[in-house]
Amino acid sequence: MRDIRFLLKTHYTNSRALVIGINHYQNASPLSYAVSDAEEIRNVLINDLGFPENNVAYLVDSEATKGNILRAFMRLTAGDVELDERIFVFFAGHGHTRTGIRGEVGYLVPYDADMQDFSSFIRWDELTRNAELIRAKHMLFVMDACYGGLALTRSVQPGSTRFLKDMMLRYSRQVLTAGKADEVVADAGGPIPNHSVFTGHLIEALRGKAVTEDGILTASGVMSYVYSKVANDKNSKQTPHYGYFDGDGDFILSAPQLSDLEKADGKDIDSLVVIPYAEEEFSRDTTQDKVRKVKSLLANEFSSIELHDLVVDEVRHFLASTNEDHFKVQGQFSKDELLERIAKYEQLVSDLAAELSCISHWARPTHRVILQKALARATDRLESQGGLIVWLHLRWYPLIIALYSAGIAAVEGKRYDSLASIFYTTLGHREYGKTGQTLIEATSNSIVELARLDVFKQIPGHERHYTPMSEYLHKILQPKLDDLLFLGRGYETAFDEFEVLFSLAVADLRKQAGRDAWGPIGRFGWKAQRDHESPVTRVVEEGRAMGPNWGPLKAGLFGGDVERFNAVAADFQKIISQLNWW
């Protein structure tokens, strides 16, 4: 059999839908908003997503009999339905589950169902089996009903990336249901009046809240968004279920740039789509449990894969819990809101920072790749966008915590190889000749902006400090790192050395780019004025004395070049000497 990918095009030739809503049943209890849900979904498909009105079959209440539903569904198996079509199926009504010998069997309840006669229901697997007869490459089933027996796989995990055109060349059958077998659908109380909780969030997702930053709306993105919203809605006691029952493509609801990508003559230009992160139930392990697990895996040279998966899961959880649904970038500034956000960010990055600190301190060579991957992917949601400047730059705060935590741990263990991996982690992607920033360049930019906005001077006790962020981090990181690494009085020395190396590394990159040799000024700035042997002097003199045998140079900082280090150190010391804080 010929691979279907070689028959498909990177666009849709047609769009069809079957939309069903049942409020008033012949023999079952009524629902309040199933018909209004169906009506609005129909409107969204036609008015927002470009489905031709004549291609949207619409059955409500007494029209939605078992015979009519199956007849409309089987109409989609006709020969005029082409390979490059997309088909959207929506059902709002009662669902039912029965347990059989091999597990649960899910049913949809049509208008004319006899609640004592299962033969009058529509078996879910009858639809999935008949979907094999439908030629359209992409089908999305959305069921505002709770039932079991779905037998789904999660082919595309949140945070995964896929090429847009490639998704159009892959077959898929995807489904999103409002809840599982033992759950009750919330028929009211959603984000939109006169709609269920599930469909209310679905409508908002389809109208733009689930689009990527590139304006792409995929079924995977919609399903992930609706899952997060419904599972965490105070008016909901249901947990949506979603995934694939066949294929590995993705139903594309909207992709404005697709036509331009197709026009690229002589070049295969494509766009990577990031699947949005969903807030899923996460491990209930304590920080101590996770740290013990990481240490155990680090001790075993054959456990790199398991360590990779553990850290990636932590990154996914971090990204899901720090997305824009929780930290809006729009709105007004207030001190109370600022302090609340700072506290939340600290809590949400705590476990990830602890895991990365362990890795940087005890990493084998193969583990440094995991360290870089975690740091790079943790910045996935931080691309520039519109919003309040302070909220935009504060999004980098948890990454700054992770950088400091892992960096101090590396310095304390004299693991300058880990430190170099952290500093020079490349963010973004290398595509069509473009190179992303390093982690230290990106974080230093936000540190500058946060300082310019006096953000950390808003924290009680830090109003008059020369370097309030540095002072604040110095205090809040100490107990965590001491518990992790038993640093004792050596903590301050490790903290200062990390900040000096961080600033010198930033200054070096700026100098290499033809700019001034500036780097973020931490507590070491005022210490340089006060102490006979300041942290900057101590680090610079050690580097000059040891030359090519100095740990940071051997690890690749400053390009491993003694002269390059000496040059940037001299320029940086001059800047420090000119600080006018007194």
Protein backbone atom coordinates (compact mmCIF):
# COMPACT_ATOMS: atom_id res chain seq x y z
CA MET A 1 0.00 0.00 0.00
CA ARG A 2 1.32 3.43 -0.92
CA ASP A 3 2.24 5.70 2.01
CA ILE A 4 -0.65 8.17 2.36
CA ARG A 5 1.78 11.02 3.06
CA PHE A 6 2.82 10.98 -0.59
CA LEU A 7 -0.78 11.49 -1.65
CA LEU A 8 -1.61 14.39 0.65
CA LYS A 9 -1.21 18.14 0.12
CA THR A 10 -0.07 20.73 2.64
CA HIS A 11 -3.49 22.40 2.68
CA TYR A 12 -7.16 21.51 2.94
CA THR A 13 -9.35 21.25 -0.14
CA ASN A 14 -12.58 21.38 1.87
CA SER A 15 -14.00 21.57 5.39
CA ARG A 16 -17.04 19.71 6.72
CA ALA A 17 -18.71 19.39 10.10
CA LEU A 18 -21.44 17.51 11.92
CA VAL A 19 -22.82 19.47 14.89
CA ILE A 20 -25.32 17.90 17.32
CA GLY A 21 -26.99 19.31 20.44
CA ILE A 22 -29.80 17.81 22.52
CA ASN A 23 -31.57 19.63 25.35
CA HIS A 24 -34.91 17.81 25.35
CA TYR A 25 -34.85 14.04 25.21
CA GLN A 26 -37.73 11.71 24.52
CA ASN A 27 -36.92 9.53 27.52
CA ALA A 28 -33.93 11.08 29.34
CA SER A 29 -33.56 14.05 31.65
CA PRO A 30 -33.23 17.43 29.90
CA LEU A 31 -30.12 19.54 29.61
CA SER A 32 -30.01 23.33 29.72
CA TYR A 33 -27.41 24.47 27.22
CA ALA A 34 -26.58 21.64 24.80
CA VAL A 35 -28.47 23.29 21.93
CA SER A 36 -26.97 26.73 22.55
CA ASP A 37 -23.55 25.05 22.73
CA ALA A 38 -24.12 23.37 19.37
CA GLU A 39 -25.44 26.57 17.81
CA GLU A 40 -22.42 28.60 18.89
CA ILE A 41 -19.95 25.94 17.76
CA ARG A 42 -21.69 25.97 14.37
CA ASN A 43 -21.34 29.78 14.23
CA VAL A 44 -17.65 29.63 15.17
CA LEU A 45 -16.91 27.03 12.50
CA ILE A 46 -18.65 29.07 9.80
CA ASN A 47 -17.79 32.63 10.80
CA ASP A 48 -14.36 32.24 12.41
CA LEU A 49 -12.79 29.13 10.94
CA GLY A 50 -13.96 29.25 7.34
CA PHE A 51 -16.22 26.18 7.16
CA PRO A 52 -18.74 26.57 4.28
CA GLU A 53 -22.24 26.86 5.75
CA ASN A 54 -23.62 24.22 3.37
CA ASN A 55 -21.01 21.76 4.64
CA VAL A 56 -22.08 21.97 8.28
CA ALA A 57 -24.78 19.39 9.11
CA TYR A 58 -26.77 20.57 12.13
CA LEU A 59 -29.02 18.33 14.24
CA VAL A 60 -30.70 19.53 17.44
CA ASP A 61 -33.28 18.03 19.80
CA SER A 62 -35.85 15.91 17.91
CA GLU A 63 -33.73 15.98 14.74
CA ALA A 64 -30.89 14.23 16.57
CA THR A 65 -32.29 10.70 16.48
CA LYS A 66 -29.99 7.70 16.31
CA GLY A 67 -30.92 7.16 12.68
CA ASN A 68 -30.33 10.78 11.68
CA ILE A 69 -27.01 11.00 13.51
CA LEU A 70 -25.65 7.80 11.96
CA ARG A 71 -27.01 8.77 8.55
CA ALA A 72 -25.29 12.18 8.72
CA PHE A 73 -22.08 10.57 9.93
CA MET A 74 -22.06 7.88 7.25
CA ARG A 75 -22.69 10.61 4.65
CA LEU A 76 -19.06 11.53 5.29
CA THR A 77 -17.98 8.17 3.84
CA ALA A 78 -19.28 9.17 0.40
CA GLY A 79 -16.94 9.30 -2.56
CA ASP A 80 -17.11 13.09 -2.90
CA VAL A 81 -15.22 13.51 0.38
CA GLU A 82 -11.59 13.93 -0.65
CA LEU A 83 -8.32 12.96 1.03
CA ASP A 84 -7.27 16.54 1.79
CA GLU A 85 -10.39 17.49 3.73
CA ARG A 86 -10.92 18.14 7.43
CA ILE A 87 -14.01 17.05 9.34
CA PHE A 88 -15.15 18.41 12.72
CA VAL A 89 -17.72 16.42 14.73
CA PHE A 90 -19.36 18.01 17.79
CA PHE A 91 -21.86 16.39 20.15
CA ALA A 92 -23.48 18.03 23.20
CA GLY A 93 -25.77 15.73 25.13
CA HIS A 94 -25.83 12.77 27.48
CA GLY A 95 -23.11 10.14 27.49
CA HIS A 96 -23.23 6.72 29.09
CA THR A 97 -20.75 4.03 30.06
CA ARG A 98 -21.24 0.31 30.54
CA THR A 99 -18.60 -2.09 31.83
CA GLY A 100 -18.08 -5.18 29.73
CA ILE A 101 -15.82 -8.21 29.97
CA ARG A 102 -12.93 -6.37 28.30
CA GLY A 103 -13.46 -3.02 29.98
CA GLU A 104 -15.62 0.05 29.59
CA VAL A 105 -17.84 0.70 26.58
CA GLY A 106 -18.81 4.32 25.90
CA TYR A 107 -22.10 5.46 24.38
CA LEU A 108 -23.65 8.67 23.09
CA VAL A 109 -27.33 9.07 23.93
CA PRO A 110 -29.43 10.25 20.93
CA TYR A 111 -32.76 12.05 21.23
CA ASP A 112 -34.90 8.91 20.84
CA ALA A 113 -32.87 6.59 23.08
CA ASP A 114 -34.68 4.16 25.38
CA MET A 115 -32.67 4.38 28.60
CA GLN A 116 -33.40 0.69 29.32
CA ASP A 117 -32.30 -0.48 25.86
CA PHE A 118 -28.61 -0.10 25.01
CA SER A 119 -29.28 -0.97 21.39
CA SER A 120 -30.93 2.45 21.06
CA PHE A 121 -27.66 4.18 22.06
CA ILE A 122 -24.74 4.96 19.73
CA ARG A 123 -21.58 3.08 20.64
CA TRP A 124 -18.52 5.31 20.55
CA ASP A 125 -16.42 2.58 18.95
CA GLU A 126 -19.02 2.30 16.19
CA LEU A 127 -18.09 5.84 15.19
CA THR A 128 -14.36 5.19 15.44
CA ARG A 129 -14.61 2.02 13.33
CA ASN A 130 -16.68 3.80 10.70
CA ALA A 131 -14.17 6.68 10.70
CA GLU A 132 -11.87 4.27 8.83
CA LEU A 133 -14.27 4.55 5.88
CA ILE A 134 -13.93 8.34 5.73
CA ARG A 135 -11.20 9.48 3.34
CA ALA A 136 -10.56 12.90 4.94
CA LYS A 137 -7.04 13.07 6.35
CA HIS A 138 -8.01 14.89 9.54
CA MET A 139 -11.00 14.36 11.84
CA LEU A 140 -11.61 15.98 15.21
CA PHE A 141 -14.36 14.66 17.50
CA VAL A 142 -15.41 16.99 20.33
CA MET A 143 -17.90 15.49 22.75
CA ASP A 144 -19.52 17.57 25.48
CA ALA A 145 -20.50 14.39 27.28
CA CYS A 146 -18.86 12.07 29.80
CA TYR A 147 -18.26 8.43 28.97
CA GLY A 148 -15.51 5.81 29.09
CA GLY A 149 -13.99 3.27 26.73
CA LEU A 150 -12.05 5.79 24.64
CA ALA A 151 -8.78 3.83 24.20
CA LEU A 152 -6.76 6.93 23.31
CA THR A 153 -3.05 7.59 22.94
CA ARG A 154 -1.27 10.88 23.64
CA SER A 155 0.90 11.11 20.54
CA VAL A 156 1.84 14.79 20.89
CA GLN A 157 2.77 15.89 24.39
CA PRO A 158 2.45 19.50 25.53
CA GLY A 159 5.62 21.41 24.76
CA SER A 160 6.46 19.18 21.81
CA THR A 161 7.18 20.80 18.46
CA ARG A 162 5.98 19.74 15.02
CA PHE A 163 6.48 21.16 11.54
CA LEU A 164 3.27 22.76 10.30
CA LYS A 165 3.39 21.42 6.75
CA ASP A 166 4.41 17.97 7.97
CA MET A 167 1.33 17.80 10.21
CA MET A 168 -0.77 18.45 7.13
CA LEU A 169 0.82 15.42 5.46
CA ARG A 170 -0.07 13.01 8.26
CA TYR A 171 -3.35 11.24 8.86
CA SER A 172 -5.09 11.84 12.21
CA ARG A 173 -8.20 11.00 14.21
CA GLN A 174 -8.38 13.06 17.41
CA VAL A 175 -10.96 13.30 20.16
CA LEU A 176 -11.73 15.57 23.11
CA THR A 177 -14.44 14.63 25.61
CA ALA A 178 -15.82 16.67 28.48
CA GLY A 179 -15.16 14.03 31.11
CA LYS A 180 -14.61 10.43 32.00
CA ALA A 181 -17.07 7.67 32.84
CA ASP A 182 -17.68 8.45 36.50
CA GLU A 183 -17.94 12.23 36.13
CA VAL A 184 -20.88 14.59 35.74
CA VAL A 185 -20.77 17.28 33.07
CA ALA A 186 -21.25 20.81 34.41
CA ASP A 187 -24.09 22.08 32.22
CA ALA A 188 -23.74 25.66 33.50
CA GLY A 189 -21.35 28.05 35.22
CA GLY A 190 -18.81 28.31 32.43
CA PRO A 191 -16.89 31.38 31.25
CA ILE A 192 -19.63 32.31 28.76
CA PRO A 193 -23.29 32.73 29.83
CA ASN A 194 -25.74 30.09 28.55
CA HIS A 195 -23.02 27.56 27.81
CA SER A 196 -21.60 24.58 29.65
CA VAL A 197 -18.21 24.87 31.36
CA PHE A 198 -16.62 22.60 28.76
CA THR A 199 -18.05 24.23 25.63
CA GLY A 200 -17.55 27.72 27.05
CA HIS A 201 -13.81 27.12 27.30
CA LEU A 202 -13.86 25.35 23.93
CA ILE A 203 -15.45 28.39 22.26
CA GLU A 204 -12.84 30.68 23.81
CA ALA A 205 -10.08 28.35 22.61
CA LEU A 206 -11.44 28.29 19.05
CA ARG A 207 -11.79 32.08 19.04
CA GLY A 208 -8.13 32.65 19.77
CA LYS A 209 -7.16 31.83 23.34
CA ALA A 210 -5.41 28.62 22.25
CA VAL A 211 -3.47 30.08 19.32
CA THR A 212 0.31 29.96 19.34
CA GLU A 213 2.37 33.14 19.27
CA ASP A 214 2.59 32.65 15.49
CA GLY A 215 -1.21 32.69 15.21
CA ILE A 216 -1.56 28.93 14.58
CA LEU A 217 -4.52 27.07 16.04
CA THR A 218 -4.26 23.28 16.17
CA ALA A 219 -6.48 20.58 17.63
CA SER A 220 -3.69 19.61 20.02
CA GLY A 221 -3.46 23.20 21.20
CA VAL A 222 -7.23 23.49 21.65
CA MET A 223 -7.43 20.20 23.53
CA SER A 224 -4.55 21.13 25.82
CA TYR A 225 -6.12 24.53 26.55
CA VAL A 226 -9.59 23.12 27.25
CA TYR A 227 -8.13 20.40 29.47
CA SER A 228 -6.32 22.97 31.62
CA LYS A 229 -9.30 25.29 31.89
CA VAL A 230 -12.00 22.73 32.62
CA ALA A 231 -9.93 20.63 35.02
CA ASN A 232 -9.14 23.75 37.06
CA ASP A 233 -12.49 25.55 36.77
CA LYS A 234 -14.10 26.09 40.18
CA ASN A 235 -17.51 25.24 38.71
CA SER A 236 -16.32 21.96 37.23
CA LYS A 237 -15.98 18.51 38.74
CA GLN A 238 -14.91 16.91 35.49
CA THR A 239 -11.59 16.19 33.83
CA PRO A 240 -11.56 16.20 30.03
CA HIS A 241 -10.03 13.26 28.21
CA TYR A 242 -8.20 13.81 24.94
CA GLY A 243 -5.79 12.31 22.46
CA TYR A 244 -5.63 10.22 19.30
CA PHE A 245 -7.40 7.02 18.39
CA ASP A 246 -5.54 6.85 15.08
CA GLY A 247 -2.75 8.63 13.22
CA ASP A 248 -0.18 11.22 14.26
CA GLY A 249 -1.00 14.38 12.30
CA ASP A 250 -2.90 17.32 13.71
CA PHE A 251 -6.18 18.96 12.73
CA ILE A 252 -5.25 22.54 11.77
CA LEU A 253 -8.03 24.97 12.61
CA SER A 254 -6.20 28.11 11.53
CA ALA A 255 -2.74 28.80 10.08
CA PRO A 256 -2.59 32.18 8.29
CA GLN A 257 1.01 31.69 7.14
CA LEU A 258 0.46 28.29 5.55
CA SER A 259 -0.18 29.66 2.06
CA ASP A 260 3.05 31.68 2.17
CA LEU A 261 5.03 28.60 3.22
CA GLU A 262 3.63 26.71 0.25
CA LYS A 263 4.77 29.43 -2.17
CA ALA A 264 8.48 29.12 -1.34
CA ASP A 265 9.91 28.07 -4.72
CA GLY A 266 12.95 25.82 -4.63
CA LYS A 267 13.06 25.75 -0.82
CA ASP A 268 11.29 23.62 1.76
CA ILE A 269 10.47 26.34 4.28
CA ASP A 270 8.33 25.23 7.18
CA SER A 271 7.23 26.58 10.56
CA LEU A 272 7.71 24.78 13.86
CA VAL A 273 4.56 24.72 15.98
CA VAL A 274 4.83 24.34 19.75
CA ILE A 275 1.99 22.41 21.37
CA PRO A 276 0.72 24.49 24.33
CA TYR A 277 1.37 23.22 27.82
CA ALA A 278 -1.53 21.77 29.79
CA GLU A 279 -1.75 21.76 33.55
CA GLU A 280 -1.98 18.07 34.22
CA GLU A 281 -1.93 16.23 37.50
CA PHE A 282 1.70 16.11 38.48
CA SER A 283 3.82 14.03 40.82
CA ARG A 284 3.00 14.58 44.48
CA ASP A 285 6.63 13.91 45.43
CA THR A 286 8.17 16.47 47.75
CA THR A 287 11.24 18.46 46.78
CA GLN A 288 13.29 16.13 48.98
CA ASP A 289 11.88 13.08 47.17
CA LYS A 290 12.78 14.56 43.80
CA VAL A 291 16.28 15.53 44.91
CA ARG A 292 16.92 12.02 46.22
CA LYS A 293 15.76 10.61 42.89
CA VAL A 294 17.99 12.97 40.89
CA LYS A 295 21.02 12.15 43.05
CA SER A 296 20.38 8.44 42.66
CA LEU A 297 20.18 8.76 38.88
CA LEU A 298 23.31 10.93 38.74
CA ALA A 299 25.23 8.24 40.63
CA ASN A 300 24.39 5.63 38.00
CA GLU A 301 26.13 6.11 34.66
CA PHE A 302 23.42 4.07 32.93
CA SER A 303 20.50 6.23 34.14
CA SER A 304 20.87 9.23 31.82
CA ILE A 305 17.66 8.49 29.95
CA GLU A 306 15.60 8.22 33.12
CA LEU A 307 17.18 11.43 34.43
CA HIS A 308 16.37 13.16 31.15
CA ASP A 309 12.72 12.15 31.37
CA LEU A 310 12.42 13.18 35.02
CA VAL A 311 13.83 16.65 34.34
CA VAL A 312 11.77 17.10 31.16
CA ASP A 313 8.60 16.31 33.13
CA GLU A 314 9.60 18.97 35.66
CA VAL A 315 10.15 21.50 32.86
CA ARG A 316 6.74 20.70 31.36
CA HIS A 317 5.11 21.21 34.75
CA PHE A 318 6.96 24.49 35.27
CA LEU A 319 5.88 25.82 31.88
CA ALA A 320 2.26 24.78 32.40
CA SER A 321 2.09 26.46 35.80
CA THR A 322 3.75 29.72 34.70
CA ASN A 323 1.82 30.31 31.48
CA GLU A 324 -0.08 33.50 30.69
CA ASP A 325 -3.31 32.12 32.13
CA HIS A 326 -1.69 32.46 35.56
CA PHE A 327 0.56 35.45 34.90
CA LYS A 328 -1.18 37.95 32.65
CA VAL A 329 1.17 40.36 30.90
CA GLN A 330 -1.60 42.92 30.40
CA GLY A 331 -3.18 45.10 33.07
CA GLN A 332 -2.09 47.63 35.65
CA PHE A 333 0.91 47.52 37.96
CA SER A 334 0.51 47.38 41.72
CA LYS A 335 2.99 46.63 44.47
CA ASP A 336 0.76 43.94 45.96
CA GLU A 337 0.47 42.21 42.59
CA LEU A 338 4.25 42.43 42.12
CA LEU A 339 5.01 40.85 45.49
CA GLU A 340 2.44 38.13 44.87
CA ARG A 341 3.96 37.29 41.49
CA ILE A 342 7.48 37.17 42.88
CA ALA A 343 6.37 34.74 45.59
CA LYS A 344 4.49 32.54 43.11
CA TYR A 345 7.40 32.40 40.68
CA GLU A 346 9.73 31.37 43.52
CA GLN A 347 7.41 28.58 44.55
CA LEU A 348 6.85 27.28 41.02
CA VAL A 349 10.54 27.14 40.02
CA SER A 350 11.76 25.73 43.34
CA ASP A 351 11.80 22.03 42.40
CA LEU A 352 13.27 22.64 38.95
CA ALA A 353 16.02 24.83 40.43
CA ALA A 354 16.85 22.14 42.99
CA GLU A 355 17.09 19.44 40.33
CA LEU A 356 19.30 21.59 38.08
CA SER A 357 21.53 22.47 41.04
CA CYS A 358 22.12 18.77 41.71
CA ILE A 359 22.94 18.13 38.07
CA SER A 360 25.35 21.07 37.78
CA HIS A 361 27.15 20.00 40.98
CA TRP A 362 27.49 16.28 40.21
CA ALA A 363 27.06 16.05 36.43
CA ARG A 364 28.84 13.51 34.30
CA PRO A 365 29.70 14.77 30.79
CA THR A 366 26.52 13.23 29.35
CA HIS A 367 24.40 15.02 31.93
CA ARG A 368 25.38 18.52 30.83
CA VAL A 369 23.24 18.12 27.72
CA ILE A 370 20.23 17.53 29.99
CA LEU A 371 21.14 20.66 31.94
CA GLN A 372 21.26 22.79 28.79
CA LYS A 373 18.08 21.30 27.36
CA ALA A 374 16.13 21.97 30.56
CA LEU A 375 17.29 25.59 30.74
CA ALA A 376 16.61 26.23 27.06
CA ARG A 377 13.14 24.68 27.06
CA ALA A 378 12.21 26.47 30.29
CA THR A 379 12.34 29.71 28.29
CA ASP A 380 9.87 28.47 25.66
CA ARG A 381 7.11 30.91 26.57
CA LEU A 382 9.29 34.00 26.91
CA GLU A 383 9.33 35.29 23.35
CA SER A 384 8.69 39.03 23.07
CA GLN A 385 5.04 40.07 22.98
CA GLY A 386 2.87 43.02 23.90
CA GLY A 387 2.10 43.77 27.49
CA LEU A 388 3.17 45.72 30.55
CA ILE A 389 6.98 45.98 30.51
CA VAL A 390 7.40 45.03 34.15
CA TRP A 391 5.30 41.86 33.79
CA LEU A 392 7.09 40.89 30.58
CA HIS A 393 10.53 41.10 32.16
CA LEU A 394 9.41 39.57 35.45
CA ARG A 395 8.64 36.37 33.50
CA TRP A 396 12.41 35.88 33.43
CA TYR A 397 12.66 35.95 37.23
CA PRO A 398 12.21 32.18 37.75
CA LEU A 399 14.85 31.56 35.07
CA ILE A 400 17.18 33.92 36.92
CA ILE A 401 16.59 31.85 40.07
CA ALA A 402 17.38 28.65 38.17
CA LEU A 403 20.52 30.25 36.69
CA TYR A 404 21.77 31.44 40.08
CA SER A 405 20.95 28.17 41.85
CA ALA A 406 22.61 25.92 39.29
CA GLY A 407 25.50 28.35 38.83
CA ILE A 408 26.30 28.66 42.53
CA ALA A 409 26.12 24.87 42.87
CA ALA A 410 28.59 24.52 39.99
CA VAL A 411 31.01 27.07 41.47
CA GLU A 412 30.88 25.48 44.92
CA GLY A 413 31.77 22.11 43.41
CA LYS A 414 34.45 23.64 41.15
CA ARG A 415 32.43 22.30 38.23
CA TYR A 416 33.30 25.03 35.77
CA ASP A 417 32.42 22.67 32.93
CA SER A 418 28.84 22.73 34.20
CA LEU A 419 29.02 26.50 34.63
CA ALA A 420 30.15 26.96 31.02
CA SER A 421 27.31 24.73 29.83
CA ILE A 422 24.84 26.85 31.78
CA PHE A 423 26.21 30.21 30.66
CA TYR A 424 26.41 29.37 26.97
CA THR A 425 23.13 27.50 26.66
CA THR A 426 21.61 28.71 23.39
CA LEU A 427 18.00 29.82 23.56
CA GLY A 428 15.49 29.88 20.76
CA HIS A 429 16.36 27.98 17.61
CA ARG A 430 18.87 27.95 14.80
CA GLU A 431 16.79 28.31 11.68
CA TYR A 432 17.65 29.77 8.30
CA GLY A 433 20.97 31.12 9.56
CA LYS A 434 19.61 32.70 12.75
CA THR A 435 21.32 32.00 16.07
CA GLY A 436 19.58 32.41 19.40
CA GLN A 437 20.91 34.33 22.38
CA THR A 438 22.81 32.62 25.15
CA LEU A 439 21.13 32.20 28.52
CA ILE A 440 23.38 34.77 30.18
CA GLU A 441 22.70 37.36 27.48
CA ALA A 442 18.94 36.96 27.79
CA THR A 443 18.85 36.93 31.58
CA SER A 444 21.23 39.89 31.89
CA ASN A 445 18.96 41.92 29.62
CA SER A 446 16.00 41.30 31.91
CA ILE A 447 18.09 41.95 35.02
CA VAL A 448 18.93 45.37 33.56
CA GLU A 449 15.27 46.13 32.85
CA LEU A 450 14.12 44.97 36.27
CA ALA A 451 16.79 47.18 37.86
CA ARG A 452 15.81 50.14 35.67
CA LEU A 453 12.20 49.72 36.83
CA ASP A 454 13.28 49.47 40.51
CA VAL A 455 11.30 46.24 40.78
CA PHE A 456 13.22 44.70 43.67
CA LYS A 457 13.33 47.97 45.56
CA GLN A 458 9.60 47.37 46.05
CA ILE A 459 10.40 44.46 48.38
CA PRO A 460 10.29 45.53 52.04
CA GLY A 461 13.79 45.91 53.43
CA HIS A 462 15.42 46.40 50.04
CA GLU A 463 14.24 49.93 49.24
CA ARG A 464 17.66 51.54 49.81
CA HIS A 465 19.97 48.78 48.56
CA TYR A 466 22.41 49.45 45.73
CA THR A 467 21.79 46.00 44.21
CA PRO A 468 18.39 44.92 45.56
CA MET A 469 17.89 41.87 43.31
CA SER A 470 21.33 40.50 44.15
CA GLU A 471 20.78 41.11 47.88
CA TYR A 472 17.36 39.48 47.75
CA LEU A 473 18.60 36.41 45.86
CA HIS A 474 21.55 36.13 48.23
CA LYS A 475 19.12 35.69 51.13
CA ILE A 476 16.39 33.52 49.62
CA LEU A 477 18.70 31.02 47.91
CA GLN A 478 20.93 30.38 50.93
CA PRO A 479 18.68 27.99 52.91
CA LYS A 480 17.74 25.97 49.84
CA LEU A 481 21.32 25.56 48.62
CA ASP A 482 22.62 24.91 52.12
CA ASP A 483 20.08 22.11 52.61
CA LEU A 484 21.03 20.71 49.22
CA LEU A 485 24.84 21.02 49.34
CA PHE A 486 25.74 21.73 53.01
CA LEU A 487 27.57 24.94 52.10
CA GLY A 488 27.83 26.55 55.53
CA ARG A 489 29.94 29.71 55.62
CA GLY A 490 31.25 28.96 52.14
CA TYR A 491 27.93 30.06 50.65
CA GLU A 492 28.78 33.75 50.42
CA THR A 493 32.09 33.09 48.70
CA ALA A 494 30.40 30.79 46.17
CA PHE A 495 27.63 33.34 45.59
CA ASP A 496 30.10 36.17 44.98
CA GLU A 497 32.31 34.10 42.68
CA PHE A 498 29.28 33.05 40.65
CA GLU A 499 28.08 36.65 40.23
CA VAL A 500 31.55 37.85 39.22
CA LEU A 501 31.98 35.08 36.64
CA PHE A 502 28.44 35.69 35.37
CA SER A 503 29.12 39.40 34.90
CA LEU A 504 32.53 38.84 33.34
CA ALA A 505 31.09 36.28 30.92
CA VAL A 506 28.37 38.73 29.85
CA ALA A 507 30.95 41.51 29.52
CA ASP A 508 33.12 39.21 27.40
CA LEU A 509 30.29 38.44 24.97
CA ARG A 510 29.49 42.14 24.69
CA LYS A 511 33.15 42.99 24.07
CA GLN A 512 33.38 40.29 21.39
CA ALA A 513 30.37 41.92 19.71
CA GLY A 514 32.11 45.32 19.68
CA ARG A 515 30.22 46.76 22.65
CA ASP A 516 31.37 47.94 26.08
CA ALA A 517 32.58 45.36 28.61
CA TRP A 518 29.61 45.72 30.94
CA GLY A 519 27.98 42.96 32.98
CA PRO A 520 25.21 42.92 35.63
CA ILE A 521 26.50 44.41 38.89
CA GLY A 522 25.74 42.32 41.98
CA ARG A 523 26.70 42.68 45.63
CA PHE A 524 30.34 42.48 44.58
CA GLY A 525 29.95 46.03 43.23
CA TRP A 526 29.72 47.69 46.61
CA LYS A 527 32.16 45.17 48.09
CA ALA A 528 34.76 46.38 45.60
CA GLN A 529 34.57 49.81 47.21
CA ARG A 530 34.60 48.49 50.77
CA ASP A 531 36.79 45.40 50.93
CA HIS A 532 40.55 45.36 50.58
CA GLU A 533 40.25 42.15 48.56
CA SER A 534 36.97 42.44 46.72
CA PRO A 535 35.32 39.42 45.01
CA VAL A 536 36.16 40.91 41.59
CA THR A 537 39.82 41.38 42.50
CA ARG A 538 40.01 37.89 44.00
CA VAL A 539 38.60 36.20 40.89
CA VAL A 540 40.63 38.27 38.42
CA GLU A 541 43.93 37.81 40.26
CA GLU A 542 43.35 34.07 40.53
CA GLY A 543 42.69 33.88 36.80
CA ARG A 544 45.79 35.88 35.93
CA ALA A 545 47.98 33.86 38.30
CA MET A 546 46.86 30.45 37.02
CA GLY A 547 46.59 31.43 33.37
CA PRO A 548 45.61 28.52 31.09
CA ASN A 549 45.38 26.21 34.12
CA TRP A 550 42.57 28.25 35.69
CA GLY A 551 39.38 26.18 35.96
CA PRO A 552 37.00 28.59 34.18
CA LEU A 553 39.40 28.98 31.23
CA LYS A 554 39.97 25.23 30.96
CA ALA A 555 36.18 24.78 30.87
CA GLY A 556 35.83 27.18 27.93
CA LEU A 557 34.77 30.45 29.56
CA PHE A 558 36.15 33.48 27.68
CA GLY A 559 36.82 31.15 24.75
CA GLY A 560 39.53 29.47 26.82
CA ASP A 561 41.78 32.40 25.86
CA VAL A 562 43.99 33.95 28.57
CA GLU A 563 44.48 37.22 26.70
CA ARG A 564 40.77 37.54 26.04
CA PHE A 565 40.08 37.06 29.76
CA ASN A 566 42.74 39.58 30.78
CA ALA A 567 41.35 42.19 28.39
CA VAL A 568 37.74 41.92 29.53
CA ALA A 569 38.78 41.73 33.19
CA ALA A 570 40.74 44.99 32.89
CA ASP A 571 37.84 46.77 31.21
CA PHE A 572 35.34 45.43 33.73
CA GLN A 573 37.46 46.41 36.73
CA LYS A 574 37.62 49.94 35.34
CA ILE A 575 33.82 50.07 35.15
CA ILE A 576 33.55 48.81 38.74
CA SER A 577 36.02 51.44 39.98
CA GLN A 578 33.85 54.18 38.47
CA LEU A 579 30.64 53.20 40.25
CA ASN A 580 29.31 56.34 41.90
CA TRP A 581 27.27 54.93 44.79
CA TRP A 582 28.69 57.18 47.49
